[in-house]
């Protein structure tokens, strides 16, 4: 134990001696948390639309006013020419075109129906789907008001009343959904990159040979190398949870001790993966490239930005080897739903087995020569 403590002391002195490392370890992750939580969102809050009104009636103005009055829509112009509206989309000056037919008001009164065309820029398919849904919702609400006005007897006292109840995120705030996932991402980056480059740095400096000829046993060397980064990553997690509570206003509904316990197991996995990378590489550049390659794949398939359930079936099956997916799910369950251990015990035991196997394999892969 004394040998491990000496190695820990040496590692912490080496870490904090480099003044440029302190901002990288503690300040930059928090800046990333704040920036990414606000920017990494699929919410559409500024849909630029242009009106092509061929009717210019009171009813057509009521419809356009409903769009303009929405918090999600911003009117960027009106025109009588559909071609000009299309050009606005082509020049990326508008996202949607609302086309109101001529005789719109007349048709509502006489034949009891009229047509409205919605044209949406669909380069981004998911964004186009949301924009179209918002537009249809506004038009449907306008249509309902007309029906109530024309047939007051039939719609007196609506037979079905909806009272939606949103659990765990009642304000439907995307930040609440993103912050727990980004916290996992940040501690993963810290743990994986630092652990993968630490041993490689010793190789580049030539000090690894000096350490190898000492009577330090392998497990003492591995423990002394990985524990400091485990402590640093846990400290970053605590700082991130502090910001989540007092900056974003996200309460940890579940047990914070349980969250930290699972995070500790997860970081053993991450550090073991970093150690494995360090045994496969000879330079810091190689270690960073390999770590970043796997990290990008893990992030994109983790469910951080898109639901895992929406992925192809083969991708969902492949995702069983993705540790980020397990811990992001567990972290959201604890922070937002207040889940206890038995709610995610399957994912926990998979993480535990994964962490044990990765640490053992990477330790065996590292060969200490004397």
Protein backbone atom coordinates (compact mmCIF):
# COMPACT_ATOMS: atom_id res chain seq x y z
CA UNK A 1 0.00 0.00 0.00
CA UNK A 2 2.88 2.36 0.80
CA UNK A 3 4.30 1.79 -2.68
CA UNK A 4 0.98 2.73 -4.29
CA UNK A 5 0.80 5.88 -2.18
CA UNK A 6 4.26 6.91 -3.35
CA UNK A 7 3.24 6.38 -6.96
CA UNK A 8 0.05 8.38 -6.37
CA UNK A 9 2.09 11.19 -4.85
CA UNK A 10 4.42 11.16 -7.84
CA UNK A 11 1.48 11.22 -10.32
CA UNK A 12 -0.32 14.10 -8.60
CA UNK A 13 2.90 16.13 -8.42
CA UNK A 14 3.47 15.48 -12.11
CA UNK A 15 -0.13 16.41 -13.00
CA UNK A 16 -0.28 19.65 -11.02
CA UNK A 17 3.24 20.69 -11.96
CA UNK A 18 1.94 21.29 -15.48
CA UNK A 19 -0.07 24.49 -14.99
CA UNK A 20 -1.71 24.18 -18.40
CA UNK A 21 -3.33 20.90 -17.33
CA UNK A 22 -5.44 22.45 -14.56
CA UNK A 23 -7.78 24.38 -16.91
CA UNK A 24 -8.05 21.30 -19.14
CA UNK A 25 -9.02 19.11 -16.20
CA UNK A 26 -11.48 21.37 -14.39
CA UNK A 27 -12.44 24.54 -16.30
CA UNK A 28 -12.84 23.35 -19.89
CA UNK A 29 -15.20 20.45 -18.97
CA UNK A 30 -17.53 22.87 -17.18
CA UNK A 31 -17.45 25.27 -20.13
CA UNK A 32 -18.32 22.35 -22.41
CA UNK A 33 -21.16 21.34 -20.10
CA UNK A 34 -22.68 24.82 -20.16
CA UNK A 35 -22.23 25.37 -23.91
CA UNK A 36 -23.27 21.90 -25.11
CA UNK A 37 -26.31 21.74 -22.84
CA UNK A 38 -27.76 24.85 -24.50
CA UNK A 39 -26.64 24.18 -28.06
CA UNK A 40 -26.94 20.39 -28.49
CA UNK A 41 -30.69 20.37 -29.02
CA UNK A 42 -33.17 19.20 -31.61
CA UNK A 43 -35.77 21.75 -30.55
CA UNK A 44 -36.89 24.15 -33.29
CA UNK A 45 -37.58 27.59 -31.82
CA UNK A 46 -37.06 29.92 -34.76
CA UNK A 47 -38.84 28.71 -37.90
CA UNK A 48 -38.55 31.37 -40.58
CA UNK A 49 -41.67 31.31 -42.72
CA UNK A 50 -42.89 33.33 -45.68
CA UNK A 51 -46.57 33.89 -46.53
CA UNK A 52 -47.99 33.54 -50.04
CA UNK A 53 -51.51 34.90 -49.56
CA UNK A 54 -53.62 34.79 -52.73
CA UNK A 55 -56.81 35.69 -50.88
CA UNK A 56 -56.03 38.75 -48.72
CA UNK A 57 -59.18 38.21 -46.69
CA UNK A 58 -59.92 38.55 -42.99
CA UNK A 59 -59.78 34.78 -42.53
CA UNK A 60 -56.43 34.45 -44.28
CA UNK A 61 -55.04 37.23 -42.07
CA UNK A 62 -56.33 35.41 -38.98
CA UNK A 63 -54.47 32.29 -40.07
CA UNK A 64 -51.22 34.15 -40.75
CA UNK A 65 -51.58 35.97 -37.42
CA UNK A 66 -51.72 32.60 -35.64
CA UNK A 67 -48.37 31.69 -37.19
CA UNK A 68 -46.86 35.07 -36.37
CA UNK A 69 -48.14 34.86 -32.80
CA UNK A 70 -46.45 31.50 -32.20
CA UNK A 71 -43.20 31.50 -30.23
CA UNK A 72 -41.75 29.00 -32.71
CA UNK A 73 -42.36 30.97 -35.92
CA UNK A 74 -40.79 34.15 -37.29
CA UNK A 75 -42.33 35.79 -40.34
CA UNK A 76 -39.67 36.88 -42.82
CA UNK A 77 -41.93 38.25 -45.52
CA UNK A 78 -45.13 38.19 -47.55
CA UNK A 79 -45.44 37.86 -51.29
CA UNK A 80 -47.96 37.10 -54.00
CA UNK A 81 -45.43 35.10 -55.99
CA UNK A 82 -44.84 31.48 -55.13
CA UNK A 83 -41.62 31.58 -57.18
CA UNK A 84 -40.19 34.34 -54.98
CA UNK A 85 -41.02 32.31 -51.89
CA UNK A 86 -39.22 29.28 -53.33
CA UNK A 87 -36.20 31.44 -54.06
CA UNK A 88 -36.18 32.53 -50.42
CA UNK A 89 -35.87 28.88 -49.35
CA UNK A 90 -33.18 28.24 -51.97
CA UNK A 91 -31.17 31.19 -50.63
CA UNK A 92 -31.69 29.89 -47.05
CA UNK A 93 -33.67 32.97 -46.06
CA UNK A 94 -36.77 30.96 -45.14
CA UNK A 95 -37.57 27.47 -43.82
CA UNK A 96 -41.26 27.19 -44.67
CA UNK A 97 -43.78 28.57 -47.12
CA UNK A 98 -47.44 28.94 -46.16
CA UNK A 99 -49.55 29.15 -49.33
CA UNK A 100 -53.18 30.28 -48.95
CA UNK A 101 -55.38 29.71 -52.00
CA UNK A 102 -57.48 32.39 -53.63
CA UNK A 103 -61.13 32.44 -52.48
CA UNK A 104 -59.97 30.96 -49.17
CA UNK A 105 -62.59 32.80 -47.12
CA UNK A 106 -65.31 32.27 -49.75
CA UNK A 107 -64.73 28.53 -49.82
CA UNK A 108 -64.93 28.35 -46.04
CA UNK A 109 -68.37 29.97 -46.15
CA UNK A 110 -69.85 28.30 -49.23
CA UNK A 111 -68.36 24.83 -49.71
CA UNK A 112 -67.23 24.58 -46.07
CA UNK A 113 -63.64 23.70 -46.87
CA UNK A 114 -60.52 25.41 -48.16
CA UNK A 115 -56.90 24.49 -48.81
CA UNK A 116 -53.61 25.62 -47.31
CA UNK A 117 -50.29 24.37 -48.64
CA UNK A 118 -47.24 24.02 -46.39
CA UNK A 119 -43.86 23.71 -48.12
CA UNK A 120 -40.93 22.83 -45.86
CA UNK A 121 -37.18 22.77 -46.43
CA UNK A 122 -36.39 19.11 -45.71
CA UNK A 123 -32.59 19.00 -46.04
CA UNK A 124 -32.58 18.15 -42.34
CA UNK A 125 -35.23 15.44 -42.14
CA UNK A 126 -35.78 15.50 -38.38
CA UNK A 127 -36.01 19.31 -38.29
CA UNK A 128 -38.43 19.28 -41.24
CA UNK A 129 -40.63 16.76 -39.44
CA UNK A 130 -40.84 19.01 -36.37
CA UNK A 131 -41.50 22.16 -38.43
CA UNK A 132 -44.26 20.39 -40.35
CA UNK A 133 -45.82 19.12 -37.12
CA UNK A 134 -45.83 22.65 -35.64
CA UNK A 135 -47.45 24.09 -38.78
CA UNK A 136 -50.11 21.37 -38.92
CA UNK A 137 -50.87 21.93 -35.23
CA UNK A 138 -51.51 25.64 -35.82
CA UNK A 139 -53.67 24.98 -38.88
CA UNK A 140 -55.63 22.30 -36.99
CA UNK A 141 -56.26 24.72 -34.13
CA UNK A 142 -57.45 27.36 -36.63
CA UNK A 143 -59.69 24.75 -38.26
CA UNK A 144 -61.21 23.81 -34.91
CA UNK A 145 -62.04 27.45 -34.17
CA UNK A 146 -63.87 27.72 -37.50
CA UNK A 147 -65.89 24.57 -36.81
CA UNK A 148 -66.91 25.83 -33.39
CA UNK A 149 -67.89 29.16 -34.93
CA UNK A 150 -69.94 27.60 -37.74
CA UNK A 151 -71.48 24.78 -35.72
CA UNK A 152 -71.76 26.10 -32.16
CA UNK A 153 -74.46 23.62 -31.20
CA UNK A 154 -72.41 20.58 -32.15
CA UNK A 155 -69.28 21.82 -30.41
CA UNK A 156 -70.93 23.23 -27.29
CA UNK A 157 -69.03 21.58 -24.50
CA UNK A 158 -66.32 19.49 -26.11
CA UNK A 159 -67.00 15.79 -25.39
CA UNK A 160 -63.30 14.95 -24.90
CA UNK A 161 -61.01 17.09 -22.80
CA UNK A 162 -57.33 16.43 -22.77
CA UNK A 163 -55.20 17.07 -19.71
CA UNK A 164 -51.61 16.10 -20.59
CA UNK A 165 -49.26 15.19 -17.79
CA UNK A 166 -45.52 15.22 -18.47
CA UNK A 167 -43.52 13.17 -15.98
CA UNK A 168 -39.86 13.73 -15.06
CA UNK A 169 -39.56 16.78 -17.33
CA UNK A 170 -42.84 18.70 -16.95
CA UNK A 171 -41.60 21.79 -18.79
CA UNK A 172 -40.36 19.70 -21.74
CA UNK A 173 -37.01 21.43 -21.40
CA UNK A 174 -34.40 19.85 -23.67
CA UNK A 175 -31.61 21.04 -21.35
CA UNK A 176 -33.00 18.81 -18.60
CA UNK A 177 -32.67 15.86 -20.95
CA UNK A 178 -29.18 16.73 -22.21
CA UNK A 179 -27.30 17.66 -19.03
CA UNK A 180 -27.15 14.12 -17.51
CA UNK A 181 -25.90 12.71 -20.81
CA UNK A 182 -23.27 15.41 -21.33
CA UNK A 183 -21.98 14.83 -17.78
CA UNK A 184 -21.30 11.22 -18.74
CA UNK A 185 -19.59 12.36 -21.93
CA UNK A 186 -17.26 14.76 -20.10
CA UNK A 187 -16.01 12.31 -17.48
CA UNK A 188 -15.55 9.71 -20.23
CA UNK A 189 -13.35 12.07 -22.22
CA UNK A 190 -11.31 13.00 -19.15
CA UNK A 191 -10.83 9.41 -18.01
CA UNK A 192 -10.16 7.82 -21.38
CA UNK A 193 -7.77 10.40 -22.81
CA UNK A 194 -5.72 10.93 -19.67
CA UNK A 195 -5.34 7.24 -18.86
CA UNK A 196 -4.48 6.30 -22.45
CA UNK A 197 -1.81 8.98 -22.75
CA UNK A 198 -0.29 8.65 -19.29
CA UNK A 199 1.62 5.39 -19.81
CA UNK A 200 2.45 6.37 -23.39
CA UNK A 201 3.97 9.59 -22.09
CA UNK A 202 6.27 7.53 -19.89
CA UNK A 203 7.28 5.59 -23.02
CA UNK A 204 8.05 8.76 -24.97
CA UNK A 205 10.09 10.25 -22.13
CA UNK A 206 11.95 6.99 -21.56
CA UNK A 207 11.03 6.88 -17.86
CA UNK A 208 9.01 3.69 -18.37
CA UNK A 209 12.27 1.73 -18.53
CA UNK A 210 13.35 3.15 -15.19
CA UNK A 211 10.03 2.17 -13.64
CA UNK A 212 10.19 -1.31 -15.14
CA UNK A 213 13.49 -2.13 -13.48
CA UNK A 214 12.25 -1.12 -10.02
CA UNK A 215 10.77 -3.75 -7.64
CA UNK A 216 7.33 -2.19 -8.10
CA UNK A 217 4.84 -4.93 -8.89
CA UNK A 218 2.56 -4.66 -11.89
CA UNK A 219 -0.69 -4.17 -9.98
CA UNK A 220 0.93 -1.44 -7.87
CA UNK A 221 2.10 0.36 -11.00
CA UNK A 222 -1.33 0.08 -12.67
CA UNK A 223 -3.16 1.23 -9.53
CA UNK A 224 -0.81 4.16 -9.05
CA UNK A 225 -1.30 5.19 -12.67
CA UNK A 226 -5.11 4.93 -12.83
CA UNK A 227 -6.33 6.01 -9.38
CA UNK A 228 -5.34 9.69 -9.82
CA UNK A 229 -7.42 9.98 -12.98
CA UNK A 230 -10.29 8.17 -11.28
CA UNK A 231 -10.19 10.80 -8.52
CA UNK A 232 -9.95 13.68 -11.02
CA UNK A 233 -12.86 12.35 -13.11
CA UNK A 234 -15.01 11.90 -9.99
CA UNK A 235 -14.16 15.46 -8.94
CA UNK A 236 -15.23 16.69 -12.38
CA UNK A 237 -18.49 14.77 -11.98
CA UNK A 238 -19.15 16.39 -8.60
CA UNK A 239 -18.47 19.84 -10.05
CA UNK A 240 -20.76 19.03 -12.98
CA UNK A 241 -23.54 17.92 -10.62
CA UNK A 242 -23.10 21.16 -8.70
CA UNK A 243 -23.57 23.15 -11.92
CA UNK A 244 -26.53 20.98 -12.90
CA UNK A 245 -28.22 21.87 -9.61
CA UNK A 246 -27.41 25.56 -9.26
CA UNK A 247 -26.93 26.66 -12.90
CA UNK A 248 -29.50 24.56 -14.75
CA UNK A 249 -31.82 23.99 -11.79
CA UNK A 250 -31.84 20.21 -12.23
CA UNK A 251 -32.48 18.39 -8.96
CA UNK A 252 -31.10 14.89 -8.48
CA UNK A 253 -34.38 13.11 -7.81
CA UNK A 254 -32.70 9.82 -6.96
CA UNK A 255 -29.96 8.89 -4.50
CA UNK A 256 -26.74 10.89 -5.15
CA UNK A 257 -24.66 8.24 -3.38
CA UNK A 258 -26.01 5.59 -5.74
CA UNK A 259 -25.16 7.79 -8.71
CA UNK A 260 -21.58 8.28 -7.50
CA UNK A 261 -21.21 4.55 -6.83
CA UNK A 262 -22.27 3.60 -10.36
CA UNK A 263 -20.09 6.38 -11.76
CA UNK A 264 -17.10 4.92 -9.88
CA UNK A 265 -17.67 1.52 -11.48
CA UNK A 266 -18.09 3.11 -14.89
CA UNK A 267 -14.85 5.06 -14.55
CA UNK A 268 -12.98 1.83 -13.79
CA UNK A 269 -14.20 0.62 -17.19
CA UNK A 270 -13.15 3.84 -18.92
CA UNK A 271 -9.72 3.85 -17.29
CA UNK A 272 -9.24 0.19 -18.17
CA UNK A 273 -10.03 0.98 -21.79
CA UNK A 274 -7.53 3.84 -21.72
CA UNK A 275 -4.90 1.52 -20.26
CA UNK A 276 -5.58 -0.97 -23.05
CA UNK A 277 -5.04 1.75 -25.64
CA UNK A 278 -1.76 2.70 -23.98
CA UNK A 279 -0.51 -0.88 -24.27
CA UNK A 280 -1.25 -0.88 -28.00
CA UNK A 281 0.48 2.40 -28.84
CA UNK A 282 3.95 3.88 -28.61
CA UNK A 283 3.22 7.61 -29.01
CA UNK A 284 0.68 10.05 -27.56
CA UNK A 285 -0.52 10.85 -31.07
CA UNK A 286 -1.41 7.21 -31.69
CA UNK A 287 -3.15 6.98 -28.32
CA UNK A 288 -5.26 10.08 -29.00
CA UNK A 289 -6.25 8.85 -32.46
CA UNK A 290 -7.36 5.41 -31.30
CA UNK A 291 -9.18 6.80 -28.25
CA UNK A 292 -10.97 9.41 -30.33
CA UNK A 293 -11.96 6.83 -32.96
CA UNK A 294 -13.74 4.62 -30.43
CA UNK A 295 -15.12 7.59 -28.50
CA UNK A 296 -16.84 9.07 -31.56
CA UNK A 297 -18.54 5.73 -32.31
CA UNK A 298 -19.60 5.31 -28.68
CA UNK A 299 -21.00 8.87 -28.50
CA UNK A 300 -23.02 8.67 -31.73
CA UNK A 301 -24.54 5.33 -30.71
CA UNK A 302 -25.00 6.11 -27.01
CA UNK A 303 -28.47 7.64 -27.18
CA UNK A 304 -27.10 11.02 -26.12
CA UNK A 305 -28.51 12.84 -29.16
CA UNK A 306 -30.86 10.32 -30.80
CA UNK A 307 -32.89 7.53 -29.15
CA UNK A 308 -31.37 4.08 -29.42
CA UNK A 309 -34.83 2.71 -30.23
CA UNK A 310 -34.87 4.70 -33.49
CA UNK A 311 -31.64 3.08 -34.72
CA UNK A 312 -31.63 0.11 -37.12
CA UNK A 313 -31.99 -3.28 -35.45
CA UNK A 314 -28.40 -4.28 -36.25
CA UNK A 315 -27.15 -1.06 -34.61
CA UNK A 316 -29.20 -1.72 -31.50
CA UNK A 317 -27.67 -5.19 -31.21
CA UNK A 318 -24.19 -3.82 -31.79
CA UNK A 319 -24.80 -1.24 -29.07
CA UNK A 320 -24.59 -3.89 -26.34
CA UNK A 321 -20.81 -3.28 -26.28
CA UNK A 322 -21.22 0.48 -25.84
CA UNK A 323 -20.53 1.44 -22.19
CA UNK A 324 -21.71 5.05 -22.72
CA UNK A 325 -25.19 3.83 -23.63
CA UNK A 326 -25.53 1.98 -20.32
CA UNK A 327 -24.30 4.76 -18.06
CA UNK A 328 -26.18 7.55 -19.86
CA UNK A 329 -29.37 5.55 -19.37
CA UNK A 330 -28.60 4.91 -15.70
CA UNK A 331 -27.59 8.53 -15.05
CA UNK A 332 -30.82 9.87 -16.56
CA UNK A 333 -32.87 7.35 -14.60
CA UNK A 334 -31.30 8.35 -11.29
CA UNK A 335 -31.17 12.12 -11.87
CA UNK A 336 -34.55 12.62 -13.55
CA UNK A 337 -36.74 9.67 -12.55
CA UNK A 338 -35.41 8.87 -9.09
CA UNK A 339 -34.88 5.20 -10.00
CA UNK A 340 -33.34 2.86 -7.45
CA UNK A 341 -30.85 0.05 -8.00
CA UNK A 342 -33.41 -2.59 -8.93
CA UNK A 343 -34.72 -0.46 -11.79
CA UNK A 344 -31.43 -0.65 -13.67
CA UNK A 345 -29.69 -3.64 -12.10
CA UNK A 346 -29.33 -5.40 -15.48
CA UNK A 347 -27.41 -2.46 -16.95
CA UNK A 348 -25.37 -2.14 -13.75
CA UNK A 349 -24.21 -5.76 -13.77
CA UNK A 350 -23.31 -5.50 -17.45
CA UNK A 351 -21.22 -2.41 -16.67
CA UNK A 352 -19.60 -4.17 -13.72
CA UNK A 353 -18.70 -7.24 -15.79
CA UNK A 354 -17.50 -5.00 -18.61
CA UNK A 355 -15.32 -2.96 -16.21
CA UNK A 356 -13.84 -6.05 -14.55
CA UNK A 357 -13.06 -7.72 -17.85
CA UNK A 358 -11.58 -4.59 -19.39
CA UNK A 359 -9.36 -3.84 -16.39
CA UNK A 360 -8.13 -7.44 -16.12
CA UNK A 361 -7.46 -7.75 -19.85
CA UNK A 362 -5.66 -4.41 -20.10
CA UNK A 363 -3.56 -5.23 -17.02
CA UNK A 364 -2.55 -8.59 -18.47
CA UNK A 365 -1.84 -6.91 -21.79
CA UNK A 366 0.64 -4.56 -20.10
CA UNK A 367 3.98 -6.32 -19.76
CA UNK A 368 6.43 -5.08 -17.16
CA UNK A 369 9.93 -6.10 -18.20
CA UNK A 370 12.90 -6.15 -15.85
